[in-house]
PDB file of all heavy atoms in Angstrom:
ATOM      1  N   LEU A   1      40.905  72.940 108.044  1.00  0.00           N
ATOM      2  CA  LEU A   1      41.981  71.962 107.859  1.00  0.00           C
ATOM      3  C   LEU A   1      41.552  70.860 106.894  1.00  0.00           C
ATOM      4  O   LEU A   1      42.302  70.487 105.979  1.00  0.00           O
ATOM      5  CB  LEU A   1      42.363  71.358 109.210  1.00  0.00           C
ATOM      6  CG  LEU A   1      43.382  70.218 109.191  1.00  0.00           C
ATOM      7  CD1 LEU A   1      44.762  70.735 108.816  1.00  0.00           C
ATOM      8  CD2 LEU A   1      43.441  69.519 110.547  1.00  0.00           C
ATOM      9  N   PHE A   2      40.362  70.335 107.078  1.00  0.00           N
ATOM     10  CA  PHE A   2      39.863  69.269 106.199  1.00  0.00           C
ATOM     11  C   PHE A   2      39.674  69.773 104.772  1.00  0.00           C
ATOM     12  O   PHE A   2      39.835  69.009 103.815  1.00  0.00           O
ATOM     13  CB  PHE A   2      38.554  68.706 106.754  1.00  0.00           C
ATOM     14  CG  PHE A   2      38.725  67.582 107.732  1.00  0.00           C
ATOM     15  CD1 PHE A   2      39.296  67.799 108.983  1.00  0.00           C
ATOM     16  CD2 PHE A   2      38.319  66.299 107.410  1.00  0.00           C
ATOM     17  CE1 PHE A   2      39.456  66.759 109.888  1.00  0.00           C
ATOM     18  CE2 PHE A   2      38.470  65.247 108.312  1.00  0.00           C
ATOM     19  CZ  PHE A   2      39.047  65.470 109.550  1.00  0.00           C
ATOM     20  N   ASP A   3      39.324  71.055 104.620  1.00  0.00           N
ATOM     21  CA  ASP A   3      39.159  71.624 103.283  1.00  0.00           C
ATOM     22  C   ASP A   3      40.513  71.872 102.604  1.00  0.00           C
ATOM     23  O   ASP A   3      40.629  71.784 101.381  1.00  0.00           O
ATOM     24  CB  ASP A   3      38.387  72.945 103.361  1.00  0.00           C
ATOM     25  CG  ASP A   3      36.914  72.749 103.705  1.00  0.00           C
ATOM     26  OD1 ASP A   3      36.420  71.603 103.554  1.00  0.00           O
ATOM     27  OD2 ASP A   3      36.273  73.730 104.124  1.00  0.00           O
ATOM     28  N   GLN A   4      41.536  72.170 103.412  1.00  0.00           N
ATOM     29  CA  GLN A   4      42.832  72.577 102.851  1.00  0.00           C
ATOM     30  C   GLN A   4      43.667  71.402 102.375  1.00  0.00           C
ATOM     31  O   GLN A   4      44.366  71.499 101.366  1.00  0.00           O
ATOM     32  CB  GLN A   4      43.613  73.375 103.903  1.00  0.00           C
ATOM     33  CG  GLN A   4      44.965  73.877 103.408  1.00  0.00           C
ATOM     34  CD  GLN A   4      45.698  74.710 104.453  1.00  0.00           C
ATOM     35  OE1 GLN A   4      45.187  74.938 105.558  1.00  0.00           O
ATOM     36  NE2 GLN A   4      46.894  75.164 104.109  1.00  0.00           N
ATOM     37  N   TYR A   5      43.613  70.268 103.112  1.00  0.00           N
ATOM     38  CA  TYR A   5      44.520  69.162 102.820  1.00  0.00           C
ATOM     39  C   TYR A   5      43.761  67.927 102.343  1.00  0.00           C
ATOM     40  O   TYR A   5      42.678  67.615 102.838  1.00  0.00           O
ATOM     41  CB  TYR A   5      45.342  68.812 104.064  1.00  0.00           C
ATOM     42  CG  TYR A   5      46.353  69.875 104.431  1.00  0.00           C
ATOM     43  CD1 TYR A   5      46.057  70.819 105.414  1.00  0.00           C
ATOM     44  CD2 TYR A   5      47.580  69.960 103.776  1.00  0.00           C
ATOM     45  CE1 TYR A   5      46.971  71.813 105.748  1.00  0.00           C
ATOM     46  CE2 TYR A   5      48.497  70.944 104.106  1.00  0.00           C
ATOM     47  CZ  TYR A   5      48.188  71.870 105.091  1.00  0.00           C
ATOM     48  OH  TYR A   5      49.092  72.856 105.418  1.00  0.00           O
ATOM     49  N   ASP A   6      44.380  67.233 101.404  1.00  0.00           N
ATOM     50  CA  ASP A   6      43.806  66.010 100.850  1.00  0.00           C
ATOM     51  C   ASP A   6      44.498  64.815 101.505  1.00  0.00           C
ATOM     52  O   ASP A   6      45.599  64.441 101.119  1.00  0.00           O
ATOM     53  CB  ASP A   6      44.024  65.976  99.332  1.00  0.00           C
ATOM     54  CG  ASP A   6      43.420  64.733  98.692  1.00  0.00           C
ATOM     55  OD1 ASP A   6      42.540  64.114  99.323  1.00  0.00           O
ATOM     56  OD2 ASP A   6      43.854  64.381  97.579  1.00  0.00           O
ATOM     57  N   PHE A   7      43.860  64.234 102.506  1.00  0.00           N
ATOM     58  CA  PHE A   7      44.448  63.080 103.185  1.00  0.00           C
ATOM     59  C   PHE A   7      43.501  61.899 103.134  1.00  0.00           C
ATOM     60  O   PHE A   7      42.293  62.045 102.991  1.00  0.00           O
ATOM     61  CB  PHE A   7      44.849  63.420 104.628  1.00  0.00           C
ATOM     62  CG  PHE A   7      43.813  64.148 105.416  1.00  0.00           C
ATOM     63  CD1 PHE A   7      42.797  63.471 106.061  1.00  0.00           C
ATOM     64  CD2 PHE A   7      43.854  65.530 105.517  1.00  0.00           C
ATOM     65  CE1 PHE A   7      41.841  64.144 106.776  1.00  0.00           C
ATOM     66  CE2 PHE A   7      42.884  66.218 106.231  1.00  0.00           C
ATOM     67  CZ  PHE A   7      41.873  65.524 106.864  1.00  0.00           C
ATOM     68  N   ASP A   8      44.081  60.704 103.239  1.00  0.00           N
ATOM     69  CA  ASP A   8      43.336  59.462 103.074  1.00  0.00           C
ATOM     70  C   ASP A   8      42.938  58.821 104.400  1.00  0.00           C
ATOM     71  O   ASP A   8      42.092  57.921 104.426  1.00  0.00           O
ATOM     72  CB  ASP A   8      44.193  58.454 102.293  1.00  0.00           C
ATOM     73  CG  ASP A   8      44.692  59.034 100.985  1.00  0.00           C
ATOM     74  OD1 ASP A   8      43.938  58.993 100.006  1.00  0.00           O
ATOM     75  OD2 ASP A   8      45.841  59.533 100.949  1.00  0.00           O
ATOM     76  N   ALA A   9      43.595  59.227 105.479  1.00  0.00           N
ATOM     77  CA  ALA A   9      43.372  58.593 106.782  1.00  0.00           C
ATOM     78  C   ALA A   9      43.733  59.572 107.885  1.00  0.00           C
ATOM     79  O   ALA A   9      44.466  60.545 107.659  1.00  0.00           O
ATOM     80  CB  ALA A   9      44.205  57.323 106.912  1.00  0.00           C
ATOM     81  N   VAL A  10      43.222  59.286 109.072  1.00  0.00           N
ATOM     82  CA  VAL A  10      43.508  60.099 110.263  1.00  0.00           C
ATOM     83  C   VAL A  10      43.997  59.181 111.375  1.00  0.00           C
ATOM     84  O   VAL A  10      43.444  58.097 111.578  1.00  0.00           O
ATOM     85  CB  VAL A  10      42.255  60.854 110.755  1.00  0.00           C
ATOM     86  CG1 VAL A  10      42.577  61.672 112.007  1.00  0.00           C
ATOM     87  CG2 VAL A  10      41.697  61.752 109.658  1.00  0.00           C
ATOM     88  N   ILE A  11      45.052  59.616 112.072  1.00  0.00           N
ATOM     89  CA  ILE A  11      45.421  59.006 113.354  1.00  0.00           C
ATOM     90  C   ILE A  11      45.147  60.057 114.415  1.00  0.00           C
ATOM     91  O   ILE A  11      45.716  61.148 114.371  1.00  0.00           O
ATOM     92  CB  ILE A  11      46.896  58.562 113.400  1.00  0.00           C
ATOM     93  CG1 ILE A  11      47.201  57.576 112.276  1.00  0.00           C
ATOM     94  CG2 ILE A  11      47.207  57.937 114.761  1.00  0.00           C
ATOM     95  CD1 ILE A  11      48.666  57.123 112.234  1.00  0.00           C
ATOM     96  N   HIS A  12      44.263  59.729 115.346  1.00  0.00           N
ATOM     97  CA  HIS A  12      43.823  60.722 116.326  1.00  0.00           C
ATOM     98  C   HIS A  12      44.499  60.482 117.674  1.00  0.00           C
ATOM     99  O   HIS A  12      44.171  59.541 118.401  1.00  0.00           O
ATOM    100  CB  HIS A  12      42.304  60.665 116.504  1.00  0.00           C
ATOM    101  CG  HIS A  12      41.773  61.712 117.428  1.00  0.00           C
ATOM    102  ND1 HIS A  12      41.820  63.064 117.147  1.00  0.00           N
ATOM    103  CD2 HIS A  12      41.204  61.617 118.665  1.00  0.00           C
ATOM    104  CE1 HIS A  12      41.304  63.748 118.143  1.00  0.00           C
ATOM    105  NE2 HIS A  12      40.920  62.898 119.085  1.00  0.00           N
ATOM    106  N   PHE A  13      45.463  61.363 117.977  1.00  0.00           N
ATOM    107  CA  PHE A  13      46.143  61.341 119.270  1.00  0.00           C
ATOM    108  C   PHE A  13      45.678  62.466 120.186  1.00  0.00           C
ATOM    109  O   PHE A  13      45.905  62.404 121.402  1.00  0.00           O
ATOM    110  CB  PHE A  13      47.659  61.526 119.090  1.00  0.00           C
ATOM    111  CG  PHE A  13      48.373  60.387 118.434  1.00  0.00           C
ATOM    112  CD1 PHE A  13      48.870  60.512 117.151  1.00  0.00           C
ATOM    113  CD2 PHE A  13      48.579  59.192 119.099  1.00  0.00           C
ATOM    114  CE1 PHE A  13      49.546  59.472 116.543  1.00  0.00           C
ATOM    115  CE2 PHE A  13      49.244  58.139 118.504  1.00  0.00           C
ATOM    116  CZ  PHE A  13      49.738  58.281 117.217  1.00  0.00           C
ATOM    117  N   ALA A  14      45.092  63.520 119.615  1.00  0.00           N
ATOM    118  CA  ALA A  14      44.861  64.753 120.360  1.00  0.00           C
ATOM    119  C   ALA A  14      43.911  64.520 121.532  1.00  0.00           C
ATOM    120  O   ALA A  14      42.699  64.402 121.353  1.00  0.00           O
ATOM    121  CB  ALA A  14      44.298  65.821 119.426  1.00  0.00           C
ATOM    122  N   ALA A  15      44.474  64.451 122.738  1.00  0.00           N
ATOM    123  CA  ALA A  15      43.676  64.224 123.945  1.00  0.00           C
ATOM    124  C   ALA A  15      44.524  64.538 125.171  1.00  0.00           C
ATOM    125  O   ALA A  15      45.749  64.406 125.131  1.00  0.00           O
ATOM    126  CB  ALA A  15      43.191  62.776 124.018  1.00  0.00           C
ATOM    127  N   SER A  16      43.863  64.939 126.228  1.00  0.00           N
ATOM    128  CA  SER A  16      44.543  65.047 127.524  1.00  0.00           C
ATOM    129  C   SER A  16      44.720  63.628 128.053  1.00  0.00           C
ATOM    130  O   SER A  16      43.846  62.782 127.887  1.00  0.00           O
ATOM    131  CB  SER A  16      43.713  65.882 128.484  1.00  0.00           C
ATOM    132  OG  SER A  16      43.489  67.173 127.950  1.00  0.00           O
ATOM    133  N   LYS A  17      45.842  63.355 128.755  1.00  0.00           N
ATOM    134  CA  LYS A  17      46.205  61.950 128.920  1.00  0.00           C
ATOM    135  C   LYS A  17      46.685  61.519 130.304  1.00  0.00           C
ATOM    136  O   LYS A  17      47.083  60.366 130.474  1.00  0.00           O
ATOM    137  CB  LYS A  17      47.307  61.606 127.914  1.00  0.00           C
ATOM    138  CG  LYS A  17      48.589  62.409 128.131  1.00  0.00           C
ATOM    139  CD  LYS A  17      49.680  62.023 127.148  1.00  0.00           C
ATOM    140  CE  LYS A  17      50.983  62.731 127.468  1.00  0.00           C
ATOM    141  NZ  LYS A  17      52.077  62.301 126.586  1.00  0.00           N
ATOM    142  N   ALA A  18      46.660  62.367 131.295  1.00  0.00           N
ATOM    143  CA  ALA A  18      47.217  62.000 132.597  1.00  0.00           C
ATOM    144  C   ALA A  18      46.126  61.485 133.531  1.00  0.00           C
ATOM    145  O   ALA A  18      45.136  62.185 133.795  1.00  0.00           O
ATOM    146  CB  ALA A  18      47.934  63.185 133.239  1.00  0.00           C
ATOM    147  N   VAL A  19      46.303  60.267 134.043  1.00  0.00           N
ATOM    148  CA  VAL A  19      45.301  59.639 134.900  1.00  0.00           C
ATOM    149  C   VAL A  19      45.019  60.493 136.137  1.00  0.00           C
ATOM    150  O   VAL A  19      43.874  60.829 136.442  1.00  0.00           O
ATOM    151  CB  VAL A  19      45.754  58.222 135.305  1.00  0.00           C
ATOM    152  CG1 VAL A  19      44.848  57.667 136.405  1.00  0.00           C
ATOM    153  CG2 VAL A  19      45.750  57.293 134.100  1.00  0.00           C
ATOM    154  N   GLY A  20      46.068  60.843 136.884  1.00  0.00           N
ATOM    155  CA  GLY A  20      45.879  61.593 138.118  1.00  0.00           C
ATOM    156  C   GLY A  20      45.244  62.946 137.888  1.00  0.00           C
ATOM    157  O   GLY A  20      44.358  63.379 138.637  1.00  0.00           O
ATOM    158  N   GLU A  21      45.685  63.636 136.853  1.00  0.00           N
ATOM    159  CA  GLU A  21      45.120  64.942 136.526  1.00  0.00           C
ATOM    160  C   GLU A  21      43.643  64.828 136.167  1.00  0.00           C
ATOM    161  O   GLU A  21      42.831  65.684 136.517  1.00  0.00           O
ATOM    162  CB  GLU A  21      45.892  65.549 135.363  1.00  0.00           C
ATOM    163  CG  GLU A  21      45.459  66.961 134.986  1.00  0.00           C
ATOM    164  CD  GLU A  21      46.265  67.509 133.835  1.00  0.00           C
ATOM    165  OE1 GLU A  21      46.208  66.924 132.731  1.00  0.00           O
ATOM    166  OE2 GLU A  21      46.962  68.521 134.023  1.00  0.00           O
ATOM    167  N   SER A  22      43.276  63.749 135.475  1.00  0.00           N
ATOM    168  CA  SER A  22      41.877  63.578 135.085  1.00  0.00           C
ATOM    169  C   SER A  22      40.977  63.381 136.306  1.00  0.00           C
ATOM    170  O   SER A  22      39.810  63.775 136.287  1.00  0.00           O
ATOM    171  CB  SER A  22      41.730  62.396 134.119  1.00  0.00           C
ATOM    172  OG  SER A  22      41.769  61.147 134.786  1.00  0.00           O
ATOM    173  N   VAL A  23      41.510  62.774 137.354  1.00  0.00           N
ATOM    174  CA  VAL A  23      40.743  62.598 138.586  1.00  0.00           C
ATOM    175  C   VAL A  23      40.473  63.963 139.222  1.00  0.00           C
ATOM    176  O   VAL A  23      39.396  64.223 139.760  1.00  0.00           O
ATOM    177  CB  VAL A  23      41.483  61.663 139.562  1.00  0.00           C
ATOM    178  CG1 VAL A  23      40.776  61.617 140.915  1.00  0.00           C
ATOM    179  CG2 VAL A  23      41.598  60.253 138.972  1.00  0.00           C
ATOM    180  N   ARG A  24      41.448  64.848 139.125  1.00  0.00           N
ATOM    181  CA  ARG A  24      41.308  66.186 139.710  1.00  0.00           C
ATOM    182  C   ARG A  24      40.459  67.116 138.831  1.00  0.00           C
ATOM    183  O   ARG A  24      39.795  68.018 139.351  1.00  0.00           O
ATOM    184  CB  ARG A  24      42.680  66.814 139.928  1.00  0.00           C
ATOM    185  CG  ARG A  24      43.563  66.082 140.922  1.00  0.00           C
ATOM    186  CD  ARG A  24      44.798  66.893 141.255  1.00  0.00           C
ATOM    187  NE  ARG A  24      45.630  67.159 140.085  1.00  0.00           N
ATOM    188  CZ  ARG A  24      46.587  66.334 139.637  1.00  0.00           C
ATOM    189  NH1 ARG A  24      46.804  65.185 140.261  1.00  0.00           N
ATOM    190  NH2 ARG A  24      47.307  66.648 138.581  1.00  0.00           N
ATOM    191  N   GLU A  25      40.518  66.934 137.505  1.00  0.00           N
ATOM    192  CA  GLU A  25      39.846  67.846 136.570  1.00  0.00           C
ATOM    193  C   GLU A  25      39.006  67.062 135.563  1.00  0.00           C
ATOM    194  O   GLU A  25      39.264  67.100 134.356  1.00  0.00           O
ATOM    195  CB  GLU A  25      40.882  68.696 135.831  1.00  0.00           C
ATOM    196  CG  GLU A  25      41.772  69.528 136.722  1.00  0.00           C
ATOM    197  CD  GLU A  25      42.763  70.345 135.916  1.00  0.00           C
ATOM    198  OE1 GLU A  25      42.324  71.170 135.079  1.00  0.00           O
ATOM    199  OE2 GLU A  25      43.976  70.164 136.094  1.00  0.00           O
ATOM    200  N   PRO A  26      37.990  66.361 136.029  1.00  0.00           N
ATOM    201  CA  PRO A  26      37.239  65.479 135.123  1.00  0.00           C
ATOM    202  C   PRO A  26      36.539  66.208 133.987  1.00  0.00           C
ATOM    203  O   PRO A  26      36.531  65.731 132.850  1.00  0.00           O
ATOM    204  CB  PRO A  26      36.241  64.783 136.050  1.00  0.00           C
ATOM    205  CG  PRO A  26      36.142  65.664 137.252  1.00  0.00           C
ATOM    206  CD  PRO A  26      37.492  66.283 137.413  1.00  0.00           C
ATOM    207  N   LEU A  27      35.925  67.371 134.257  1.00  0.00           N
ATOM    208  CA  LEU A  27      35.175  68.054 133.212  1.00  0.00           C
ATOM    209  C   LEU A  27      36.067  68.478 132.061  1.00  0.00           C
ATOM    210  O   LEU A  27      35.669  68.410 130.886  1.00  0.00           O
ATOM    211  CB  LEU A  27      34.446  69.270 133.792  1.00  0.00           C
ATOM    212  CG  LEU A  27      33.228  68.945 134.651  1.00  0.00           C
ATOM    213  CD1 LEU A  27      32.627  70.227 135.217  1.00  0.00           C
ATOM    214  CD2 LEU A  27      32.183  68.193 133.837  1.00  0.00           C
ATOM    215  N   ARG A  28      37.283  68.926 132.369  1.00  0.00           N
ATOM    216  CA  ARG A  28      38.219  69.316 131.303  1.00  0.00           C
ATOM    217  C   ARG A  28      38.539  68.122 130.420  1.00  0.00           C
ATOM    218  O   ARG A  28      38.627  68.245 129.193  1.00  0.00           O
ATOM    219  CB  ARG A  28      39.502  69.894 131.896  1.00  0.00           C
ATOM    220  CG  ARG A  28      40.494  70.324 130.835  1.00  0.00           C
ATOM    221  CD  ARG A  28      41.547  71.236 131.412  1.00  0.00           C
ATOM    222  NE  ARG A  28      42.553  70.540 132.181  1.00  0.00           N
ATOM    223  CZ  ARG A  28      43.658  69.979 131.645  1.00  0.00           C
ATOM    224  NH1 ARG A  28      43.854  70.008 130.345  1.00  0.00           N
ATOM    225  NH2 ARG A  28      44.538  69.382 132.419  1.00  0.00           N
ATOM    226  N   TYR A  29      38.694  66.945 131.020  1.00  0.00           N
ATOM    227  CA  TYR A  29      39.013  65.752 130.248  1.00  0.00           C
ATOM    228  C   TYR A  29      37.838  65.316 129.373  1.00  0.00           C
ATOM    229  O   TYR A  29      38.016  64.983 128.197  1.00  0.00           O
ATOM    230  CB  TYR A  29      39.458  64.617 131.182  1.00  0.00           C
ATOM    231  CG  TYR A  29      40.949  64.647 131.394  1.00  0.00           C
ATOM    232  CD1 TYR A  29      41.551  65.683 132.111  1.00  0.00           C
ATOM    233  CD2 TYR A  29      41.773  63.681 130.841  1.00  0.00           C
ATOM    234  CE1 TYR A  29      42.916  65.738 132.280  1.00  0.00           C
ATOM    235  CE2 TYR A  29      43.140  63.718 131.006  1.00  0.00           C
ATOM    236  CZ  TYR A  29      43.712  64.753 131.727  1.00  0.00           C
ATOM    237  OH  TYR A  29      45.074  64.818 131.880  1.00  0.00           O
ATOM    238  N   TYR A  30      36.634  65.339 129.935  1.00  0.00           N
ATOM    239  CA  TYR A  30      35.474  64.959 129.127  1.00  0.00           C
ATOM    240  C   TYR A  30      35.272  65.937 127.970  1.00  0.00           C
ATOM    241  O   TYR A  30      35.033  65.533 126.831  1.00  0.00           O
ATOM    242  CB  TYR A  30      34.218  64.887 130.000  1.00  0.00           C
ATOM    243  CG  TYR A  30      34.197  63.680 130.907  1.00  0.00           C
ATOM    244  CD1 TYR A  30      34.133  63.818 132.292  1.00  0.00           C
ATOM    245  CD2 TYR A  30      34.246  62.386 130.381  1.00  0.00           C
ATOM    246  CE1 TYR A  30      34.124  62.707 133.121  1.00  0.00           C
ATOM    247  CE2 TYR A  30      34.235  61.275 131.204  1.00  0.00           C
ATOM    248  CZ  TYR A  30      34.177  61.441 132.577  1.00  0.00           C
ATOM    249  OH  TYR A  30      34.173  60.340 133.390  1.00  0.00           O
ATOM    250  N   ARG A  31      35.363  67.218 128.244  1.00  0.00           N
ATOM    251  CA  ARG A  31      35.117  68.219 127.207  1.00  0.00           C
ATOM    252  C   ARG A  31      36.167  68.098 126.093  1.00  0.00           C
ATOM    253  O   ARG A  31      35.829  68.051 124.901  1.00  0.00           O
ATOM    254  CB  ARG A  31      35.149  69.627 127.801  1.00  0.00           C
ATOM    255  CG  ARG A  31      34.864  70.729 126.774  1.00  0.00           C
ATOM    256  CD  ARG A  31      34.877  72.106 127.412  1.00  0.00           C
ATOM    257  NE  ARG A  31      33.814  72.247 128.408  1.00  0.00           N
ATOM    258  CZ  ARG A  31      34.027  72.321 129.727  1.00  0.00           C
ATOM    259  NH1 ARG A  31      35.251  72.257 130.211  1.00  0.00           N
ATOM    260  NH2 ARG A  31      33.027  72.448 130.555  1.00  0.00           N
ATOM    261  N   ASN A  32      37.426  68.030 126.450  1.00  0.00           N
ATOM    262  CA  ASN A  32      38.488  68.016 125.448  1.00  0.00           C
ATOM    263  C   ASN A  32      38.519  66.706 124.667  1.00  0.00           C
ATOM    264  O   ASN A  32      38.525  66.687 123.434  1.00  0.00           O
ATOM    265  CB  ASN A  32      39.844  68.259 126.109  1.00  0.00           C
ATOM    266  CG  ASN A  32      40.971  68.296 125.096  1.00  0.00           C
ATOM    267  OD1 ASN A  32      41.005  69.168 124.232  1.00  0.00           O
ATOM    268  ND2 ASN A  32      41.897  67.351 125.194  1.00  0.00           N
ATOM    269  N   ASN A  33      38.532  65.587 125.374  1.00  0.00           N
ATOM    270  CA  ASN A  33      38.749  64.309 124.712  1.00  0.00           C
ATOM    271  C   ASN A  33      37.561  63.880 123.855  1.00  0.00           C
ATOM    272  O   ASN A  33      37.749  63.300 122.787  1.00  0.00           O
ATOM    273  CB  ASN A  33      39.086  63.234 125.738  1.00  0.00           C
ATOM    274  CG  ASN A  33      40.439  63.463 126.393  1.00  0.00           C
ATOM    275  OD1 ASN A  33      41.084  64.489 126.173  1.00  0.00           O
ATOM    276  ND2 ASN A  33      40.876  62.515 127.201  1.00  0.00           N
ATOM    277  N   LEU A  34      36.353  64.164 124.322  1.00  0.00           N
ATOM    278  CA  LEU A  34      35.183  63.751 123.556  1.00  0.00           C
ATOM    279  C   LEU A  34      34.881  64.706 122.404  1.00  0.00           C
ATOM    280  O   LEU A  34      34.613  64.284 121.279  1.00  0.00           O
ATOM    281  CB  LEU A  34      33.968  63.624 124.470  1.00  0.00           C
ATOM    282  CG  LEU A  34      34.079  62.596 125.595  1.00  0.00           C
ATOM    283  CD1 LEU A  34      32.798  62.566 126.417  1.00  0.00           C
ATOM    284  CD2 LEU A  34      34.393  61.208 125.067  1.00  0.00           C
ATOM    285  N   THR A  35      34.957  66.009 122.660  1.00  0.00           N
ATOM    286  CA  THR A  35      34.645  66.983 121.610  1.00  0.00           C
ATOM    287  C   THR A  35      35.627  66.882 120.457  1.00  0.00           C
ATOM    288  O   THR A  35      35.230  66.895 119.285  1.00  0.00           O
ATOM    289  CB  THR A  35      34.642  68.410 122.186  1.00  0.00           C
ATOM    290  OG1 THR A  35      33.701  68.492 123.248  1.00  0.00           O
ATOM    291  CG2 THR A  35      34.283  69.426 121.106  1.00  0.00           C
ATOM    292  N   SER A  36      36.910  66.790 120.773  1.00  0.00           N
ATOM    293  CA  SER A  36      37.919  66.723 119.713  1.00  0.00           C
ATOM    294  C   SER A  36      37.706  65.489 118.849  1.00  0.00           C
ATOM    295  O   SER A  36      37.775  65.554 117.608  1.00  0.00           O
ATOM    296  CB  SER A  36      39.330  66.720 120.316  1.00  0.00           C
ATOM    297  OG  SER A  36      39.542  65.579 121.145  1.00  0.00           O
ATOM    298  N   PHE A  37      37.403  64.361 119.472  1.00  0.00           N
ATOM    299  CA  PHE A  37      37.224  63.120 118.713  1.00  0.00           C
ATOM    300  C   PHE A  37      35.969  63.183 117.846  1.00  0.00           C
ATOM    301  O   PHE A  37      35.985  62.787 116.670  1.00  0.00           O
ATOM    302  CB  PHE A  37      37.161  61.930 119.670  1.00  0.00           C
ATOM    303  CG  PHE A  37      37.057  60.604 118.959  1.00  0.00           C
ATOM    304  CD1 PHE A  37      38.071  60.155 118.146  1.00  0.00           C
ATOM    305  CD2 PHE A  37      35.933  59.816 119.114  1.00  0.00           C
ATOM    306  CE1 PHE A  37      37.974  58.936 117.482  1.00  0.00           C
ATOM    307  CE2 PHE A  37      35.828  58.596 118.466  1.00  0.00           C
ATOM    308  CZ  PHE A  37      36.853  58.161 117.647  1.00  0.00           C
ATOM    309  N   MET A  38      34.878  63.669 118.402  1.00  0.00           N
ATOM    310  CA  MET A  38      33.644  63.743 117.616  1.00  0.00           C
ATOM    311  C   MET A  38      33.781  64.715 116.449  1.00  0.00           C
ATOM    312  O   MET A  38      33.249  64.464 115.361  1.00  0.00           O
ATOM    313  CB  MET A  38      32.468  64.114 118.522  1.00  0.00           C
ATOM    314  CG  MET A  38      32.046  62.969 119.436  1.00  0.00           C
ATOM    315  SD  MET A  38      30.501  63.262 120.344  1.00  0.00           S
ATOM    316  CE  MET A  38      31.043  64.508 121.516  1.00  0.00           C
ATOM    317  N   ASN A  39      34.498  65.801 116.639  1.00  0.00           N
ATOM    318  CA  ASN A  39      34.747  66.714 115.524  1.00  0.00           C
ATOM    319  C   ASN A  39      35.470  66.004 114.383  1.00  0.00           C
ATOM    320  O   ASN A  39      35.115  66.148 113.211  1.00  0.00           O
ATOM    321  CB  ASN A  39      35.573  67.919 115.985  1.00  0.00           C
ATOM    322  CG  ASN A  39      34.738  68.987 116.666  1.00  0.00           C
ATOM    323  OD1 ASN A  39      33.509  68.994 116.574  1.00  0.00           O
ATOM    324  ND2 ASN A  39      35.400  69.898 117.355  1.00  0.00           N
ATOM    325  N   VAL A  40      36.497  65.239 114.727  1.00  0.00           N
ATOM    326  CA  VAL A  40      37.263  64.522 113.702  1.00  0.00           C
ATOM    327  C   VAL A  40      36.378  63.533 112.951  1.00  0.00           C
ATOM    328  O   VAL A  40      36.357  63.495 111.715  1.00  0.00           O
ATOM    329  CB  VAL A  40      38.473  63.805 114.335  1.00  0.00           C
ATOM    330  CG1 VAL A  40      39.103  62.821 113.346  1.00  0.00           C
ATOM    331  CG2 VAL A  40      39.515  64.801 114.802  1.00  0.00           C
ATOM    332  N   VAL A  41      35.623  62.722 113.683  1.00  0.00           N
ATOM    333  CA  VAL A  41      34.813  61.679 113.044  1.00  0.00           C
ATOM    334  C   VAL A  41      33.706  62.297 112.197  1.00  0.00           C
ATOM    335  O   VAL A  41      33.436  61.852 111.065  1.00  0.00           O
ATOM    336  CB  VAL A  41      34.238  60.719 114.097  1.00  0.00           C
ATOM    337  CG1 VAL A  41      33.301  59.713 113.449  1.00  0.00           C
ATOM    338  CG2 VAL A  41      35.364  59.984 114.821  1.00  0.00           C
ATOM    339  N   GLU A  42      33.066  63.339 112.693  1.00  0.00           N
ATOM    340  CA  GLU A  42      32.002  63.981 111.921  1.00  0.00           C
ATOM    341  C   GLU A  42      32.534  64.597 110.638  1.00  0.00           C
ATOM    342  O   GLU A  42      31.896  64.499 109.576  1.00  0.00           O
ATOM    343  CB  GLU A  42      31.305  65.043 112.776  1.00  0.00           C
ATOM    344  CG  GLU A  42      30.394  64.463 113.849  1.00  0.00           C
ATOM    345  CD  GLU A  42      29.817  65.521 114.763  1.00  0.00           C
ATOM    346  OE1 GLU A  42      30.353  66.645 114.813  1.00  0.00           O
ATOM    347  OE2 GLU A  42      28.819  65.213 115.428  1.00  0.00           O
ATOM    348  N   LEU A  43      33.706  65.207 110.704  1.00  0.00           N
ATOM    349  CA  LEU A  43      34.287  65.805 109.502  1.00  0.00           C
ATOM    350  C   LEU A  43      34.765  64.743 108.527  1.00  0.00           C
ATOM    351  O   LEU A  43      34.731  64.951 107.311  1.00  0.00           O
ATOM    352  CB  LEU A  43      35.418  66.759 109.887  1.00  0.00           C
ATOM    353  CG  LEU A  43      34.938  68.091 110.475  1.00  0.00           C
ATOM    354  CD1 LEU A  43      36.084  68.842 111.122  1.00  0.00           C
ATOM    355  CD2 LEU A  43      34.291  68.945 109.378  1.00  0.00           C
ATOM    356  N   MET A  44      35.219  63.606 109.031  1.00  0.00           N
ATOM    357  CA  MET A  44      35.559  62.499 108.144  1.00  0.00           C
ATOM    358  C   MET A  44      34.331  62.053 107.365  1.00  0.00           C
ATOM    359  O   MET A  44      34.388  61.817 106.156  1.00  0.00           O
ATOM    360  CB  MET A  44      36.156  61.343 108.946  1.00  0.00           C
ATOM    361  CG  MET A  44      37.545  61.609 109.488  1.00  0.00           C
ATOM    362  SD  MET A  44      38.192  60.222 110.435  1.00  0.00           S
ATOM    363  CE  MET A  44      38.352  58.975 109.142  1.00  0.00           C
TER     364      MET A  44
END
């Protein structure tokens, strides 16, 4: 994606977002929310 498109900025929304669900499934929230964000920042 970063190779295909020429963009000047990123707005990062991609994350799981429900408080109650995160209490029930903490590992899914840590894996998704942290990995996705670090991928974006590293590629930037």
